[in-house]
């Protein structure tokens, strides 16, 4: 699933912070990335509920 550019950028920053040894900032940025991905998935997924309702398993 395409998660968008901002969460990807946030994950890249978190990775760089992790590699540079800034543990507190890296941890905060990883949590922010997780939150952004969750919000995006819920937002994006909500637009597909009518599609999912037409599937046989639903």
PDB file of N, CA and C in Angstrom:
ATOM      1  N   UNK A   1       0.841  -1.179   0.000  1.00  0.00           N
ATOM      2  CA  UNK A   1       0.000   0.000   0.000  1.00  0.00           C
ATOM      3  C   UNK A   1       0.880   1.233   0.000  1.00  0.00           C
ATOM      4  N   UNK A   2       0.522   2.188  -0.783  1.00  0.00           N
ATOM      5  CA  UNK A   2       1.253   3.443  -0.825  1.00  0.00           C
ATOM      6  C   UNK A   2       0.952   4.228   0.443  1.00  0.00           C
ATOM      7  N   UNK A   3       1.978   4.555   1.214  1.00  0.00           N
ATOM      8  CA  UNK A   3       1.754   5.229   2.492  1.00  0.00           C
ATOM      9  C   UNK A   3       1.963   6.721   2.422  1.00  0.00           C
ATOM     10  N   UNK A   4       2.363   7.231   1.277  1.00  0.00           N
ATOM     11  CA  UNK A   4       2.566   8.665   1.160  1.00  0.00           C
ATOM     12  C   UNK A   4       4.014   9.057   1.398  1.00  0.00           C
ATOM     13  N   UNK A   5       4.344  10.249   0.983  1.00  0.00           N
ATOM     14  CA  UNK A   5       5.723  10.716   1.055  1.00  0.00           C
ATOM     15  C   UNK A   5       6.127  11.148   2.458  1.00  0.00           C
ATOM     16  N   UNK A   6       5.239  11.799   3.188  1.00  0.00           N
ATOM     17  CA  UNK A   6       5.590  12.334   4.505  1.00  0.00           C
ATOM     18  C   UNK A   6       5.972  11.220   5.488  1.00  0.00           C
ATOM     19  N   UNK A   7       5.195  10.138   5.614  1.00  0.00           N
ATOM     20  CA  UNK A   7       5.641   9.059   6.505  1.00  0.00           C
ATOM     21  C   UNK A   7       6.970   8.439   6.070  1.00  0.00           C
ATOM     22  N   UNK A   8       7.181   8.331   4.766  1.00  0.00           N
ATOM     23  CA  UNK A   8       8.458   7.803   4.274  1.00  0.00           C
ATOM     24  C   UNK A   8       9.602   8.733   4.659  1.00  0.00           C
ATOM     25  N   UNK A   9       9.407  10.024   4.503  1.00  0.00           N
ATOM     26  CA  UNK A   9      10.420  11.004   4.880  1.00  0.00           C
ATOM     27  C   UNK A   9      10.678  10.959   6.386  1.00  0.00           C
ATOM     28  N   UNK A  10       9.624  10.830   7.159  1.00  0.00           N
ATOM     29  CA  UNK A  10       9.754  10.732   8.612  1.00  0.00           C
ATOM     30  C   UNK A  10      10.543   9.483   9.007  1.00  0.00           C
ATOM     31  N   UNK A  11      10.294   8.369   8.336  1.00  0.00           N
ATOM     32  CA  UNK A  11      11.040   7.139   8.618  1.00  0.00           C
ATOM     33  C   UNK A  11      12.509   7.295   8.248  1.00  0.00           C
ATOM     34  N   UNK A  12      12.796   7.992   7.156  1.00  0.00           N
ATOM     35  CA  UNK A  12      14.189   8.222   6.757  1.00  0.00           C
ATOM     36  C   UNK A  12      14.909   9.081   7.791  1.00  0.00           C
ATOM     37  N   UNK A  13      14.239  10.106   8.296  1.00  0.00           N
ATOM     38  CA  UNK A  13      14.831  10.955   9.338  1.00  0.00           C
ATOM     39  C   UNK A  13      15.059  10.139  10.603  1.00  0.00           C
ATOM     40  N   UNK A  14      14.094   9.305  10.977  1.00  0.00           N
ATOM     41  CA  UNK A  14      14.243   8.458  12.161  1.00  0.00           C
ATOM     42  C   UNK A  14      15.422   7.512  12.006  1.00  0.00           C
ATOM     43  N   UNK A  15      15.583   6.958  10.817  1.00  0.00           N
ATOM     44  CA  UNK A  15      16.715   6.069  10.566  1.00  0.00           C
ATOM     45  C   UNK A  15      18.036   6.809  10.731  1.00  0.00           C
ATOM     46  N   UNK A  16      18.130   7.995  10.160  1.00  0.00           N
ATOM     47  CA  UNK A  16      19.362   8.784  10.293  1.00  0.00           C
ATOM     48  C   UNK A  16      19.636   9.154  11.746  1.00  0.00           C
ATOM     49  N   UNK A  17      18.597   9.507  12.483  1.00  0.00           N
ATOM     50  CA  UNK A  17      18.770   9.816  13.906  1.00  0.00           C
ATOM     51  C   UNK A  17      19.218   8.583  14.680  1.00  0.00           C
ATOM     52  N   UNK A  18      18.669   7.427  14.341  1.00  0.00           N
ATOM     53  CA  UNK A  18      19.073   6.183  15.002  1.00  0.00           C
ATOM     54  C   UNK A  18      20.539   5.877  14.743  1.00  0.00           C
ATOM     55  N   UNK A  19      20.949   6.049  13.499  1.00  0.00           N
ATOM     56  CA  UNK A  19      22.338   5.758  13.142  1.00  0.00           C
ATOM     57  C   UNK A  19      23.314   6.756  13.744  1.00  0.00           C
ATOM     58  N   UNK A  20      22.844   7.978  14.004  1.00  0.00           N
ATOM     59  CA  UNK A  20      23.738   8.992  14.567  1.00  0.00           C
ATOM     60  C   UNK A  20      23.800   8.936  16.089  1.00  0.00           C
ATOM     61  N   UNK A  21      23.012   8.064  16.700  1.00  0.00           N
ATOM     62  CA  UNK A  21      23.085   7.880  18.146  1.00  0.00           C
ATOM     63  C   UNK A  21      22.181   8.796  18.945  1.00  0.00           C
ATOM     64  N   UNK A  22      21.285   9.481  18.312  1.00  0.00           N
ATOM     65  CA  UNK A  22      20.340  10.358  19.022  1.00  0.00           C
ATOM     66  C   UNK A  22      19.092   9.545  19.360  1.00  0.00           C
ATOM     67  N   UNK A  23      19.217   8.749  20.397  1.00  0.00           N
ATOM     68  CA  UNK A  23      18.195   7.749  20.705  1.00  0.00           C
ATOM     69  C   UNK A  23      16.833   8.347  21.051  1.00  0.00           C
ATOM     70  N   UNK A  24      16.821   9.383  21.863  1.00  0.00           N
ATOM     71  CA  UNK A  24      15.536   9.963  22.274  1.00  0.00           C
ATOM     72  C   UNK A  24      14.798  10.569  21.078  1.00  0.00           C
ATOM     73  N   UNK A  25      15.502  11.339  20.281  1.00  0.00           N
ATOM     74  CA  UNK A  25      14.883  11.945  19.095  1.00  0.00           C
ATOM     75  C   UNK A  25      14.468  10.872  18.090  1.00  0.00           C
ATOM     76  N   UNK A  26      15.299   9.847  17.949  1.00  0.00           N
ATOM     77  CA  UNK A  26      14.978   8.763  17.017  1.00  0.00           C
ATOM     78  C   UNK A  26      13.719   8.026  17.466  1.00  0.00           C
ATOM     79  N   UNK A  27      13.633   7.725  18.750  1.00  0.00           N
ATOM     80  CA  UNK A  27      12.454   7.032  19.267  1.00  0.00           C
ATOM     81  C   UNK A  27      11.178   7.830  19.053  1.00  0.00           C
ATOM     82  N   UNK A  28      11.265   9.129  19.314  1.00  0.00           N
ATOM     83  CA  UNK A  28      10.110  10.001  19.098  1.00  0.00           C
ATOM     84  C   UNK A  28       9.718  10.030  17.628  1.00  0.00           C
ATOM     85  N   UNK A  29      10.707  10.092  16.761  1.00  0.00           N
ATOM     86  CA  UNK A  29      10.430  10.147  15.327  1.00  0.00           C
ATOM     87  C   UNK A  29       9.862   8.823  14.826  1.00  0.00           C
ATOM     88  N   UNK A  30      10.336   7.696  15.373  1.00  0.00           N
ATOM     89  CA  UNK A  30       9.763   6.400  14.986  1.00  0.00           C
ATOM     90  C   UNK A  30       8.294   6.328  15.391  1.00  0.00           C
ATOM     91  N   UNK A  31       7.970   6.816  16.588  1.00  0.00           N
ATOM     92  CA  UNK A  31       6.573   6.817  17.022  1.00  0.00           C
ATOM     93  C   UNK A  31       5.731   7.724  16.134  1.00  0.00           C
ATOM     94  N   UNK A  32       6.280   8.874  15.754  1.00  0.00           N
ATOM     95  CA  UNK A  32       5.572   9.777  14.848  1.00  0.00           C
ATOM     96  C   UNK A  32       5.315   9.099  13.505  1.00  0.00           C
ATOM     97  N   UNK A  33       6.315   8.379  13.023  1.00  0.00           N
ATOM     98  CA  UNK A  33       6.164   7.654  11.756  1.00  0.00           C
ATOM     99  C   UNK A  33       5.059   6.609  11.866  1.00  0.00           C
ATOM    100  N   UNK A  34       5.047   5.872  12.963  1.00  0.00           N
ATOM    101  CA  UNK A  34       4.013   4.861  13.187  1.00  0.00           C
ATOM    102  C   UNK A  34       2.629   5.496  13.203  1.00  0.00           C
ATOM    103  N   UNK A  35       2.514   6.616  13.888  1.00  0.00           N
ATOM    104  CA  UNK A  35       1.240   7.326  13.952  1.00  0.00           C
ATOM    105  C   UNK A  35       0.809   7.816  12.569  1.00  0.00           C
ATOM    106  N   UNK A  36       1.747   8.375  11.810  1.00  0.00           N
ATOM    107  CA  UNK A  36       1.425   8.858  10.465  1.00  0.00           C
ATOM    108  C   UNK A  36       0.949   7.724   9.556  1.00  0.00           C
ATOM    109  N   UNK A  37       1.620   6.584   9.630  1.00  0.00           N
ATOM    110  CA  UNK A  37       1.223   5.440   8.797  1.00  0.00           C
ATOM    111  C   UNK A  37      -0.167   4.942   9.205  1.00  0.00           C
ATOM    112  N   UNK A  38      -0.425   4.879  10.508  1.00  0.00           N
ATOM    113  CA  UNK A  38      -1.738   4.422  10.972  1.00  0.00           C
ATOM    114  C   UNK A  38      -2.843   5.377  10.530  1.00  0.00           C
ATOM    115  N   UNK A  39      -2.603   6.672  10.684  1.00  0.00           N
ATOM    116  CA  UNK A  39      -3.604   7.662  10.273  1.00  0.00           C
ATOM    117  C   UNK A  39      -3.841   7.583   8.772  1.00  0.00           C
ATOM    118  N   UNK A  40      -2.752   7.459   8.007  1.00  0.00           N
ATOM    119  CA  UNK A  40      -2.903   7.366   6.554  1.00  0.00           C
ATOM    120  C   UNK A  40      -3.675   6.107   6.164  1.00  0.00           C
ATOM    121  N   UNK A  41      -3.365   4.990   6.795  1.00  0.00           N
ATOM    122  CA  UNK A  41      -4.044   3.734   6.456  1.00  0.00           C
ATOM    123  C   UNK A  41      -5.538   3.822   6.758  1.00  0.00           C
ATOM    124  N   UNK A  42      -5.884   4.413   7.884  1.00  0.00           N
ATOM    125  CA  UNK A  42      -7.299   4.558   8.242  1.00  0.00           C
ATOM    126  C   UNK A  42      -7.990   5.518   7.276  1.00  0.00           C
ATOM    127  N   UNK A  43      -7.347   6.635   7.002  1.00  0.00           N
ATOM    128  CA  UNK A  43      -7.928   7.624   6.085  1.00  0.00           C
ATOM    129  C   UNK A  43      -8.091   7.044   4.682  1.00  0.00           C
ATOM    130  N   UNK A  44      -7.050   6.450   4.181  1.00  0.00           N
ATOM    131  CA  UNK A  44      -7.085   5.898   2.828  1.00  0.00           C
ATOM    132  C   UNK A  44      -8.037   4.706   2.747  1.00  0.00           C
ATOM    133  N   UNK A  45      -7.986   3.851   3.746  1.00  0.00           N
ATOM    134  CA  UNK A  45      -8.845   2.671   3.754  1.00  0.00           C
ATOM    135  C   UNK A  45     -10.320   3.008   3.833  1.00  0.00           C
ATOM    136  N   UNK A  46     -10.645   4.102   4.514  1.00  0.00           N
ATOM    137  CA  UNK A  46     -12.054   4.473   4.654  1.00  0.00           C
ATOM    138  C   UNK A  46     -12.690   4.802   3.310  1.00  0.00           C
ATOM    139  N   UNK A  47     -11.899   5.203   2.345  1.00  0.00           N
ATOM    140  CA  UNK A  47     -12.426   5.507   1.018  1.00  0.00           C
ATOM    141  C   UNK A  47     -12.735   4.239   0.219  1.00  0.00           C
ATOM    142  N   UNK A  48     -12.246   3.103   0.682  1.00  0.00           N
ATOM    143  CA  UNK A  48     -12.446   1.852  -0.043  1.00  0.00           C
ATOM    144  C   UNK A  48     -13.514   0.958   0.582  1.00  0.00           C
ATOM    145  N   UNK A  49     -14.133   1.399   1.658  1.00  0.00           N
ATOM    146  CA  UNK A  49     -15.164   0.592   2.311  1.00  0.00           C
ATOM    147  C   UNK A  49     -16.289   0.224   1.336  1.00  0.00           C
ATOM    148  N   UNK A  50     -16.788   1.164   0.506  1.00  0.00           N
ATOM    149  CA  UNK A  50     -17.831   0.755  -0.456  1.00  0.00           C
ATOM    150  C   UNK A  50     -17.354  -0.336  -1.419  1.00  0.00           C
ATOM    151  N   UNK A  51     -16.099  -0.289  -1.812  1.00  0.00           N
ATOM    152  CA  UNK A  51     -15.554  -1.339  -2.679  1.00  0.00           C
ATOM    153  C   UNK A  51     -15.516  -2.670  -1.947  1.00  0.00           C
ATOM    154  N   UNK A  52     -15.035  -2.647  -0.701  1.00  0.00           N
ATOM    155  CA  UNK A  52     -14.934  -3.880   0.073  1.00  0.00           C
ATOM    156  C   UNK A  52     -16.312  -4.499   0.309  1.00  0.00           C
ATOM    157  N   UNK A  53     -17.329  -3.672   0.418  1.00  0.00           N
ATOM    158  CA  UNK A  53     -18.683  -4.166   0.674  1.00  0.00           C
ATOM    159  C   UNK A  53     -19.215  -4.990  -0.492  1.00  0.00           C
ATOM    160  N   UNK A  54     -18.651  -4.820  -1.672  1.00  0.00           N
ATOM    161  CA  UNK A  54     -19.127  -5.579  -2.833  1.00  0.00           C
ATOM    162  C   UNK A  54     -18.438  -6.929  -2.970  1.00  0.00           C
ATOM    163  N   UNK A  55     -17.406  -7.178  -2.177  1.00  0.00           N
ATOM    164  CA  UNK A  55     -16.699  -8.450  -2.264  1.00  0.00           C
ATOM    165  C   UNK A  55     -17.522  -9.542  -1.590  1.00  0.00           C
ATOM    166  N   UNK A  56     -17.402 -10.764  -2.080  1.00  0.00           N
ATOM    167  CA  UNK A  56     -18.178 -11.870  -1.550  1.00  0.00           C
ATOM    168  C   UNK A  56     -17.915 -12.170  -0.088  1.00  0.00           C
ATOM    169  N   UNK A  57     -16.684 -11.979   0.370  1.00  0.00           N
ATOM    170  CA  UNK A  57     -16.363 -12.312   1.754  1.00  0.00           C
ATOM    171  C   UNK A  57     -16.908 -11.287   2.737  1.00  0.00           C
ATOM    172  N   UNK A  58     -17.338 -10.150   2.244  1.00  0.00           N
ATOM    173  CA  UNK A  58     -17.877  -9.123   3.135  1.00  0.00           C
ATOM    174  C   UNK A  58     -19.365  -9.297   3.172  1.00  0.00           C
TER     175      UNK A  58
END
